[in-house]
Amino acid sequence: MKIKLIQGAFGKEDAVSLLTQIIHVKIKFHENKIQKSHNEEDIKMRESRIKQLQKELYELRSAVNSITGIVYLDSTIEVGKNNSQKENRLKNNYVAN
């Protein structure tokens, strides 16, 4: 199943705002999991992921701000069975929670 999350043309400010809000939701998700976790490995993984998301958000903002005119965004979420390597990684992360 695929869900079209974002598709369209945006002004720079709206594009940055939308992307920032989405990434902040993901960061908050990891922060909440950290607060509830007693697994040090899980906490370190989530802290690393938060830092990565923050870095990517900074880079994303810079990229969007360098665009002249309209910004086109296209984002799809795919839900379903993954290949075995991804599936095993996701299962291991889920078990760690």
PDB file of N, CA and C in Angstrom:
ATOM      1  N   MET A   1       0.848  -1.174   0.000  1.00  0.00           N
ATOM      2  CA  MET A   1       0.000   0.000   0.000  1.00  0.00           C
ATOM      3  C   MET A   1       0.887   1.228   0.000  1.00  0.00           C
ATOM      4  N   LYS A   2       0.530   2.189  -0.807  1.00  0.00           N
ATOM      5  CA  LYS A   2       1.272   3.446  -0.870  1.00  0.00           C
ATOM      6  C   LYS A   2       0.335   4.600  -0.538  1.00  0.00           C
ATOM      7  N   ILE A   3       0.876   5.542   0.239  1.00  0.00           N
ATOM      8  CA  ILE A   3       0.113   6.738   0.606  1.00  0.00           C
ATOM      9  C   ILE A   3       0.893   7.945   0.118  1.00  0.00           C
ATOM     10  N   LYS A   4       0.263   8.758  -0.697  1.00  0.00           N
ATOM     11  CA  LYS A   4       0.894   9.975  -1.181  1.00  0.00           C
ATOM     12  C   LYS A   4       0.776  11.007  -0.070  1.00  0.00           C
ATOM     13  N   LEU A   5       1.874  11.264   0.624  1.00  0.00           N
ATOM     14  CA  LEU A   5       1.874  12.177   1.762  1.00  0.00           C
ATOM     15  C   LEU A   5       1.931  13.636   1.314  1.00  0.00           C
ATOM     16  N   ILE A   6       2.839  13.924   0.398  1.00  0.00           N
ATOM     17  CA  ILE A   6       2.993  15.291  -0.098  1.00  0.00           C
ATOM     18  C   ILE A   6       3.162  15.221  -1.607  1.00  0.00           C
ATOM     19  N   GLN A   7       2.457  16.082  -2.297  1.00  0.00           N
ATOM     20  CA  GLN A   7       2.659  16.215  -3.730  1.00  0.00           C
ATOM     21  C   GLN A   7       2.167  17.595  -4.137  1.00  0.00           C
ATOM     22  N   GLY A   8       3.093  18.420  -4.574  1.00  0.00           N
ATOM     23  CA  GLY A   8       2.652  19.725  -5.008  1.00  0.00           C
ATOM     24  C   GLY A   8       3.751  20.759  -5.054  1.00  0.00           C
ATOM     25  N   ALA A   9       3.333  21.967  -5.391  1.00  0.00           N
ATOM     26  CA  ALA A   9       4.232  23.108  -5.500  1.00  0.00           C
ATOM     27  C   ALA A   9       4.005  24.018  -4.303  1.00  0.00           C
ATOM     28  N   PHE A  10       5.092  24.486  -3.726  1.00  0.00           N
ATOM     29  CA  PHE A  10       5.020  25.297  -2.517  1.00  0.00           C
ATOM     30  C   PHE A  10       5.982  26.476  -2.629  1.00  0.00           C
ATOM     31  N   GLY A  11       5.634  27.549  -1.939  1.00  0.00           N
ATOM     32  CA  GLY A  11       6.595  28.620  -1.753  1.00  0.00           C
ATOM     33  C   GLY A  11       7.673  28.126  -0.811  1.00  0.00           C
ATOM     34  N   LYS A  12       8.830  28.789  -0.805  1.00  0.00           N
ATOM     35  CA  LYS A  12       9.941  28.346   0.047  1.00  0.00           C
ATOM     36  C   LYS A  12       9.543  28.243   1.510  1.00  0.00           C
ATOM     37  N   GLU A  13       8.893  29.277   2.025  1.00  0.00           N
ATOM     38  CA  GLU A  13       8.530  29.282   3.448  1.00  0.00           C
ATOM     39  C   GLU A  13       7.599  28.130   3.794  1.00  0.00           C
ATOM     40  N   ASP A  14       6.611  27.893   2.950  1.00  0.00           N
ATOM     41  CA  ASP A  14       5.674  26.782   3.209  1.00  0.00           C
ATOM     42  C   ASP A  14       6.375  25.431   3.086  1.00  0.00           C
ATOM     43  N   ALA A  15       7.255  25.295   2.112  1.00  0.00           N
ATOM     44  CA  ALA A  15       7.980  24.035   1.939  1.00  0.00           C
ATOM     45  C   ALA A  15       8.857  23.748   3.153  1.00  0.00           C
ATOM     46  N   VAL A  16       9.599  24.758   3.595  1.00  0.00           N
ATOM     47  CA  VAL A  16      10.466  24.585   4.766  1.00  0.00           C
ATOM     48  C   VAL A  16       9.626  24.289   6.001  1.00  0.00           C
ATOM     49  N   SER A  17       8.520  24.994   6.172  1.00  0.00           N
ATOM     50  CA  SER A  17       7.654  24.785   7.327  1.00  0.00           C
ATOM     51  C   SER A  17       7.079  23.370   7.344  1.00  0.00           C
ATOM     52  N   LEU A  18       6.582  22.916   6.215  1.00  0.00           N
ATOM     53  CA  LEU A  18       5.993  21.584   6.123  1.00  0.00           C
ATOM     54  C   LEU A  18       7.030  20.504   6.409  1.00  0.00           C
ATOM     55  N   LEU A  19       8.174  20.603   5.781  1.00  0.00           N
ATOM     56  CA  LEU A  19       9.223  19.601   5.982  1.00  0.00           C
ATOM     57  C   LEU A  19       9.755  19.623   7.416  1.00  0.00           C
ATOM     58  N   THR A  20       9.894  20.810   7.968  1.00  0.00           N
ATOM     59  CA  THR A  20      10.361  20.944   9.354  1.00  0.00           C
ATOM     60  C   THR A  20       9.383  20.284  10.314  1.00  0.00           C
ATOM     61  N   GLN A  21       8.100  20.528  10.124  1.00  0.00           N
ATOM     62  CA  GLN A  21       7.093  19.934  11.002  1.00  0.00           C
ATOM     63  C   GLN A  21       7.096  18.411  10.909  1.00  0.00           C
ATOM     64  N   ILE A  22       7.245  17.877   9.724  1.00  0.00           N
ATOM     65  CA  ILE A  22       7.269  16.427   9.547  1.00  0.00           C
ATOM     66  C   ILE A  22       8.480  15.823  10.259  1.00  0.00           C
ATOM     67  N   ILE A  23       9.629  16.423  10.076  1.00  0.00           N
ATOM     68  CA  ILE A  23      10.844  15.900  10.708  1.00  0.00           C
ATOM     69  C   ILE A  23      10.774  16.063  12.222  1.00  0.00           C
ATOM     70  N   HIS A  24      10.190  17.162  12.702  1.00  0.00           N
ATOM     71  CA  HIS A  24      10.041  17.341  14.149  1.00  0.00           C
ATOM     72  C   HIS A  24       9.124  16.277  14.759  1.00  0.00           C
ATOM     73  N   VAL A  25       8.114  15.858  14.036  1.00  0.00           N
ATOM     74  CA  VAL A  25       7.245  14.777  14.525  1.00  0.00           C
ATOM     75  C   VAL A  25       8.061  13.496  14.681  1.00  0.00           C
ATOM     76  N   LYS A  26       8.913  13.199  13.716  1.00  0.00           N
ATOM     77  CA  LYS A  26       9.747  12.009  13.792  1.00  0.00           C
ATOM     78  C   LYS A  26      10.748  12.110  14.949  1.00  0.00           C
ATOM     79  N   ILE A  27      11.327  13.286  15.150  1.00  0.00           N
ATOM     80  CA  ILE A  27      12.241  13.490  16.276  1.00  0.00           C
ATOM     81  C   ILE A  27      11.505  13.289  17.591  1.00  0.00           C
ATOM     82  N   LYS A  28      10.312  13.862  17.708  1.00  0.00           N
ATOM     83  CA  LYS A  28       9.514  13.720  18.929  1.00  0.00           C
ATOM     84  C   LYS A  28       9.169  12.250  19.183  1.00  0.00           C
ATOM     85  N   PHE A  29       8.891  11.506  18.140  1.00  0.00           N
ATOM     86  CA  PHE A  29       8.619  10.071  18.262  1.00  0.00           C
ATOM     87  C   PHE A  29       9.801   9.373  18.942  1.00  0.00           C
ATOM     88  N   HIS A  30      11.017   9.661  18.457  1.00  0.00           N
ATOM     89  CA  HIS A  30      12.205   9.040  19.044  1.00  0.00           C
ATOM     90  C   HIS A  30      12.435   9.523  20.476  1.00  0.00           C
ATOM     91  N   GLU A  31      12.199  10.788  20.749  1.00  0.00           N
ATOM     92  CA  GLU A  31      12.356  11.306  22.112  1.00  0.00           C
ATOM     93  C   GLU A  31      11.407  10.601  23.081  1.00  0.00           C
ATOM     94  N   ASN A  32      10.180  10.401  22.655  1.00  0.00           N
ATOM     95  CA  ASN A  32       9.208   9.690  23.497  1.00  0.00           C
ATOM     96  C   ASN A  32       9.635   8.252  23.744  1.00  0.00           C
ATOM     97  N   LYS A  33      10.166   7.592  22.727  1.00  0.00           N
ATOM     98  CA  LYS A  33      10.639   6.214  22.878  1.00  0.00           C
ATOM     99  C   LYS A  33      11.830   6.163  23.840  1.00  0.00           C
ATOM    100  N   ILE A  34      12.705   7.158  23.770  1.00  0.00           N
ATOM    101  CA  ILE A  34      13.863   7.216  24.665  1.00  0.00           C
ATOM    102  C   ILE A  34      13.400   7.328  26.114  1.00  0.00           C
ATOM    103  N   GLN A  35      12.406   8.173  26.358  1.00  0.00           N
ATOM    104  CA  GLN A  35      11.914   8.367  27.721  1.00  0.00           C
ATOM    105  C   GLN A  35      11.348   7.083  28.315  1.00  0.00           C
ATOM    106  N   LYS A  36      10.796   6.233  27.477  1.00  0.00           N
ATOM    107  CA  LYS A  36      10.152   5.002  27.951  1.00  0.00           C
ATOM    108  C   LYS A  36      11.085   3.795  27.939  1.00  0.00           C
ATOM    109  N   SER A  37      12.262   3.953  27.334  1.00  0.00           N
ATOM    110  CA  SER A  37      13.144   2.804  27.151  1.00  0.00           C
ATOM    111  C   SER A  37      14.112   2.638  28.315  1.00  0.00           C
ATOM    112  N   HIS A  38      14.433   1.378  28.602  1.00  0.00           N
ATOM    113  CA  HIS A  38      15.452   1.043  29.593  1.00  0.00           C
ATOM    114  C   HIS A  38      16.613   0.322  28.916  1.00  0.00           C
ATOM    115  N   ASN A  39      16.560   0.240  27.595  1.00  0.00           N
ATOM    116  CA  ASN A  39      17.570  -0.460  26.813  1.00  0.00           C
ATOM    117  C   ASN A  39      18.589   0.553  26.301  1.00  0.00           C
ATOM    118  N   GLU A  40      19.809   0.487  26.816  1.00  0.00           N
ATOM    119  CA  GLU A  40      20.853   1.462  26.469  1.00  0.00           C
ATOM    120  C   GLU A  40      21.163   1.468  24.974  1.00  0.00           C
ATOM    121  N   GLU A  41      21.180   0.297  24.355  1.00  0.00           N
ATOM    122  CA  GLU A  41      21.450   0.204  22.922  1.00  0.00           C
ATOM    123  C   GLU A  41      20.354   0.906  22.116  1.00  0.00           C
ATOM    124  N   ASP A  42      19.118   0.702  22.514  1.00  0.00           N
ATOM    125  CA  ASP A  42      17.992   1.354  21.853  1.00  0.00           C
ATOM    126  C   ASP A  42      18.083   2.873  22.009  1.00  0.00           C
ATOM    127  N   ILE A  43      18.414   3.325  23.194  1.00  0.00           N
ATOM    128  CA  ILE A  43      18.526   4.767  23.452  1.00  0.00           C
ATOM    129  C   ILE A  43      19.619   5.377  22.583  1.00  0.00           C
ATOM    130  N   LYS A  44      20.775   4.732  22.525  1.00  0.00           N
ATOM    131  CA  LYS A  44      21.883   5.246  21.706  1.00  0.00           C
ATOM    132  C   LYS A  44      21.514   5.294  20.235  1.00  0.00           C
ATOM    133  N   MET A  45      20.809   4.253  19.763  1.00  0.00           N
ATOM    134  CA  MET A  45      20.382   4.229  18.366  1.00  0.00           C
ATOM    135  C   MET A  45      19.432   5.383  18.074  1.00  0.00           C
ATOM    136  N   ARG A  46      18.505   5.621  18.980  1.00  0.00           N
ATOM    137  CA  ARG A  46      17.532   6.695  18.773  1.00  0.00           C
ATOM    138  C   ARG A  46      18.179   8.076  18.879  1.00  0.00           C
ATOM    139  N   GLU A  47      19.130   8.234  19.789  1.00  0.00           N
ATOM    140  CA  GLU A  47      19.845   9.512  19.891  1.00  0.00           C
ATOM    141  C   GLU A  47      20.640   9.784  18.614  1.00  0.00           C
ATOM    142  N   SER A  48      21.230   8.742  18.069  1.00  0.00           N
ATOM    143  CA  SER A  48      21.962   8.869  16.813  1.00  0.00           C
ATOM    144  C   SER A  48      21.024   9.246  15.674  1.00  0.00           C
ATOM    145  N   ARG A  49      19.859   8.627  15.654  1.00  0.00           N
ATOM    146  CA  ARG A  49      18.874   8.926  14.599  1.00  0.00           C
ATOM    147  C   ARG A  49      18.370  10.363  14.720  1.00  0.00           C
ATOM    148  N   ILE A  50      18.172  10.848  15.939  1.00  0.00           N
ATOM    149  CA  ILE A  50      17.742  12.238  16.140  1.00  0.00           C
ATOM    150  C   ILE A  50      18.805  13.189  15.599  1.00  0.00           C
ATOM    151  N   LYS A  51      20.068  12.936  15.898  1.00  0.00           N
ATOM    152  CA  LYS A  51      21.155  13.784  15.390  1.00  0.00           C
ATOM    153  C   LYS A  51      21.195  13.766  13.868  1.00  0.00           C
ATOM    154  N   GLN A  52      20.989  12.592  13.297  1.00  0.00           N
ATOM    155  CA  GLN A  52      20.971  12.465  11.844  1.00  0.00           C
ATOM    156  C   GLN A  52      19.813  13.271  11.245  1.00  0.00           C
ATOM    157  N   LEU A  53      18.639  13.168  11.847  1.00  0.00           N
ATOM    158  CA  LEU A  53      17.475  13.922  11.362  1.00  0.00           C
ATOM    159  C   LEU A  53      17.715  15.423  11.472  1.00  0.00           C
ATOM    160  N   GLN A  54      18.329  15.873  12.562  1.00  0.00           N
ATOM    161  CA  GLN A  54      18.622  17.296  12.732  1.00  0.00           C
ATOM    162  C   GLN A  54      19.595  17.786  11.664  1.00  0.00           C
ATOM    163  N   LYS A  55      20.615  16.981  11.382  1.00  0.00           N
ATOM    164  CA  LYS A  55      21.592  17.328  10.345  1.00  0.00           C
ATOM    165  C   LYS A  55      20.911  17.389   8.974  1.00  0.00           C
ATOM    166  N   GLU A  56      20.088  16.391   8.681  1.00  0.00           N
ATOM    167  CA  GLU A  56      19.397  16.346   7.397  1.00  0.00           C
ATOM    168  C   GLU A  56      18.417  17.503   7.252  1.00  0.00           C
ATOM    169  N   LEU A  57      17.778  17.892   8.349  1.00  0.00           N
ATOM    170  CA  LEU A  57      16.861  19.025   8.307  1.00  0.00           C
ATOM    171  C   LEU A  57      17.621  20.306   7.978  1.00  0.00           C
ATOM    172  N   TYR A  58      18.772  20.501   8.589  1.00  0.00           N
ATOM    173  CA  TYR A  58      19.606  21.675   8.291  1.00  0.00           C
ATOM    174  C   TYR A  58      19.970  21.705   6.809  1.00  0.00           C
ATOM    175  N   GLU A  59      20.417  20.561   6.287  1.00  0.00           N
ATOM    176  CA  GLU A  59      20.786  20.460   4.876  1.00  0.00           C
ATOM    177  C   GLU A  59      19.581  20.683   3.960  1.00  0.00           C
ATOM    178  N   LEU A  60      18.448  20.157   4.365  1.00  0.00           N
ATOM    179  CA  LEU A  60      17.221  20.309   3.600  1.00  0.00           C
ATOM    180  C   LEU A  60      16.792  21.766   3.525  1.00  0.00           C
ATOM    181  N   ARG A  61      16.843  22.453   4.664  1.00  0.00           N
ATOM    182  CA  ARG A  61      16.502  23.880   4.685  1.00  0.00           C
ATOM    183  C   ARG A  61      17.416  24.676   3.759  1.00  0.00           C
ATOM    184  N   SER A  62      18.706  24.375   3.806  1.00  0.00           N
ATOM    185  CA  SER A  62      19.665  25.063   2.930  1.00  0.00           C
ATOM    186  C   SER A  62      19.346  24.795   1.469  1.00  0.00           C
ATOM    187  N   ALA A  63      19.045  23.552   1.150  1.00  0.00           N
ATOM    188  CA  ALA A  63      18.731  23.190  -0.234  1.00  0.00           C
ATOM    189  C   ALA A  63      17.471  23.906  -0.721  1.00  0.00           C
ATOM    190  N   VAL A  64      16.435  23.907   0.104  1.00  0.00           N
ATOM    191  CA  VAL A  64      15.180  24.567  -0.289  1.00  0.00           C
ATOM    192  C   VAL A  64      15.413  26.065  -0.449  1.00  0.00           C
ATOM    193  N   ASN A  65      16.147  26.670   0.457  1.00  0.00           N
ATOM    194  CA  ASN A  65      16.392  28.111   0.388  1.00  0.00           C
ATOM    195  C   ASN A  65      17.253  28.510  -0.802  1.00  0.00           C
ATOM    196  N   SER A  66      17.983  27.560  -1.371  1.00  0.00           N
ATOM    197  CA  SER A  66      18.808  27.872  -2.547  1.00  0.00           C
ATOM    198  C   SER A  66      17.998  27.806  -3.846  1.00  0.00           C
ATOM    199  N   ILE A  67      16.778  27.295  -3.776  1.00  0.00           N
ATOM    200  CA  ILE A  67      15.928  27.181  -4.961  1.00  0.00           C
ATOM    201  C   ILE A  67      15.282  28.528  -5.253  1.00  0.00           C
ATOM    202  N   THR A  68      15.307  28.905  -6.508  1.00  0.00           N
ATOM    203  CA  THR A  68      14.654  30.140  -6.933  1.00  0.00           C
ATOM    204  C   THR A  68      13.245  29.805  -7.382  1.00  0.00           C
ATOM    205  N   GLY A  69      12.267  30.498  -6.804  1.00  0.00           N
ATOM    206  CA  GLY A  69      10.882  30.280  -7.210  1.00  0.00           C
ATOM    207  C   GLY A  69      10.188  29.191  -6.422  1.00  0.00           C
ATOM    208  N   ILE A  70       9.348  28.449  -7.113  1.00  0.00           N
ATOM    209  CA  ILE A  70       8.495  27.435  -6.503  1.00  0.00           C
ATOM    210  C   ILE A  70       9.308  26.173  -6.174  1.00  0.00           C
ATOM    211  N   VAL A  71       8.956  25.544  -5.051  1.00  0.00           N
ATOM    212  CA  VAL A  71       9.595  24.305  -4.619  1.00  0.00           C
ATOM    213  C   VAL A  71       8.599  23.170  -4.819  1.00  0.00           C
ATOM    214  N   TYR A  72       9.032  22.126  -5.498  1.00  0.00           N
ATOM    215  CA  TYR A  72       8.168  20.976  -5.736  1.00  0.00           C
ATOM    216  C   TYR A  72       8.531  19.863  -4.750  1.00  0.00           C
ATOM    217  N   LEU A  73       7.531  19.376  -4.056  1.00  0.00           N
ATOM    218  CA  LEU A  73       7.726  18.298  -3.090  1.00  0.00           C
ATOM    219  C   LEU A  73       6.895  17.093  -3.509  1.00  0.00           C
ATOM    220  N   ASP A  74       7.484  15.923  -3.359  1.00  0.00           N
ATOM    221  CA  ASP A  74       6.801  14.682  -3.693  1.00  0.00           C
ATOM    222  C   ASP A  74       7.265  13.626  -2.696  1.00  0.00           C
ATOM    223  N   SER A  75       6.352  13.131  -1.876  1.00  0.00           N
ATOM    224  CA  SER A  75       6.698  12.162  -0.848  1.00  0.00           C
ATOM    225  C   SER A  75       5.621  11.091  -0.757  1.00  0.00           C
ATOM    226  N   THR A  76       6.070   9.842  -0.780  1.00  0.00           N
ATOM    227  CA  THR A  76       5.175   8.704  -0.684  1.00  0.00           C
ATOM    228  C   THR A  76       5.629   7.810   0.465  1.00  0.00           C
ATOM    229  N   ILE A  77       4.674   7.330   1.231  1.00  0.00           N
ATOM    230  CA  ILE A  77       4.957   6.343   2.269  1.00  0.00           C
ATOM    231  C   ILE A  77       4.489   4.997   1.739  1.00  0.00           C
ATOM    232  N   GLU A  78       5.389   4.037   1.790  1.00  0.00           N
ATOM    233  CA  GLU A  78       5.050   2.699   1.320  1.00  0.00           C
ATOM    234  C   GLU A  78       4.943   1.775   2.520  1.00  0.00           C
ATOM    235  N   VAL A  79       3.802   1.120   2.645  1.00  0.00           N
ATOM    236  CA  VAL A  79       3.543   0.203   3.749  1.00  0.00           C
ATOM    237  C   VAL A  79       3.401  -1.192   3.168  1.00  0.00           C
ATOM    238  N   GLY A  80       4.147  -2.118   3.718  1.00  0.00           N
ATOM    239  CA  GLY A  80       4.040  -3.480   3.217  1.00  0.00           C
ATOM    240  C   GLY A  80       5.264  -4.283   3.556  1.00  0.00           C
ATOM    241  N   LYS A  81       5.377  -5.395   2.928  1.00  0.00           N
ATOM    242  CA  LYS A  81       6.492  -6.310   3.178  1.00  0.00           C
ATOM    243  C   LYS A  81       7.753  -5.748   2.542  1.00  0.00           C
ATOM    244  N   ASN A  82       8.821  -5.718   3.325  1.00  0.00           N
ATOM    245  CA  ASN A  82      10.117  -5.247   2.848  1.00  0.00           C
ATOM    246  C   ASN A  82      10.967  -6.422   2.416  1.00  0.00           C
ATOM    247  N   ASN A  83      12.116  -6.089   1.816  1.00  0.00           N
ATOM    248  CA  ASN A  83      13.043  -7.177   1.515  1.00  0.00           C
ATOM    249  C   ASN A  83      13.580  -7.724   2.827  1.00  0.00           C
ATOM    250  N   SER A  84      14.137  -8.913   2.816  1.00  0.00           N
ATOM    251  CA  SER A  84      14.491  -9.606   4.059  1.00  0.00           C
ATOM    252  C   SER A  84      15.507  -8.843   4.900  1.00  0.00           C
ATOM    253  N   GLN A  85      16.459  -8.151   4.289  1.00  0.00           N
ATOM    254  CA  GLN A  85      17.457  -7.412   5.057  1.00  0.00           C
ATOM    255  C   GLN A  85      16.795  -6.276   5.843  1.00  0.00           C
ATOM    256  N   LYS A  86      15.944  -5.507   5.192  1.00  0.00           N
ATOM    257  CA  LYS A  86      15.225  -4.436   5.883  1.00  0.00           C
ATOM    258  C   LYS A  86      14.285  -5.013   6.934  1.00  0.00           C
ATOM    259  N   GLU A  87      13.617  -6.094   6.586  1.00  0.00           N
ATOM    260  CA  GLU A  87      12.672  -6.717   7.502  1.00  0.00           C
ATOM    261  C   GLU A  87      13.360  -7.179   8.779  1.00  0.00           C
ATOM    262  N   ASN A  88      14.521  -7.797   8.656  1.00  0.00           N
ATOM    263  CA  ASN A  88      15.260  -8.258   9.836  1.00  0.00           C
ATOM    264  C   ASN A  88      15.694  -7.079  10.702  1.00  0.00           C
ATOM    265  N   ARG A  89      16.152  -6.002  10.087  1.00  0.00           N
ATOM    266  CA  ARG A  89      16.562  -4.815  10.840  1.00  0.00           C
ATOM    267  C   ARG A  89      15.378  -4.214  11.580  1.00  0.00           C
ATOM    268  N   LEU A  90      14.245  -4.129  10.917  1.00  0.00           N
ATOM    269  CA  LEU A  90      13.047  -3.581  11.556  1.00  0.00           C
ATOM    270  C   LEU A  90      12.581  -4.470  12.697  1.00  0.00           C
ATOM    271  N   LYS A  91      12.619  -5.785  12.512  1.00  0.00           N
ATOM    272  CA  LYS A  91      12.225  -6.710  13.573  1.00  0.00           C
ATOM    273  C   LYS A  91      13.138  -6.549  14.784  1.00  0.00           C
ATOM    274  N   ASN A  92      14.440  -6.419  14.529  1.00  0.00           N
ATOM    275  CA  ASN A  92      15.395  -6.254  15.631  1.00  0.00           C
ATOM    276  C   ASN A  92      15.140  -4.951  16.374  1.00  0.00           C
ATOM    277  N   ASN A  93      14.834  -3.887  15.664  1.00  0.00           N
ATOM    278  CA  ASN A  93      14.525  -2.613  16.315  1.00  0.00           C
ATOM    279  C   ASN A  93      13.239  -2.706  17.101  1.00  0.00           C
ATOM    280  N   TYR A  94      12.247  -3.406  16.567  1.00  0.00           N
ATOM    281  CA  TYR A  94      10.975  -3.532  17.246  1.00  0.00           C
ATOM    282  C   TYR A  94      11.134  -4.332  18.545  1.00  0.00           C
ATOM    283  N   VAL A  95      11.901  -5.396  18.490  1.00  0.00           N
ATOM    284  CA  VAL A  95      12.126  -6.225  19.667  1.00  0.00           C
ATOM    285  C   VAL A  95      12.848  -5.426  20.742  1.00  0.00           C
ATOM    286  N   ALA A  96      13.746  -4.516  20.336  1.00  0.00           N
ATOM    287  CA  ALA A  96      14.493  -3.698  21.283  1.00  0.00           C
ATOM    288  C   ALA A  96      13.587  -2.722  22.034  1.00  0.00           C
ATOM    289  N   ASN A  97      12.433  -2.419  21.473  1.00  0.00           N
ATOM    290  CA  ASN A  97      11.516  -1.480  22.120  1.00  0.00           C
ATOM    291  C   ASN A  97      10.832  -2.187  23.242  1.00  0.00           C
TER     292      ASN A  97
END
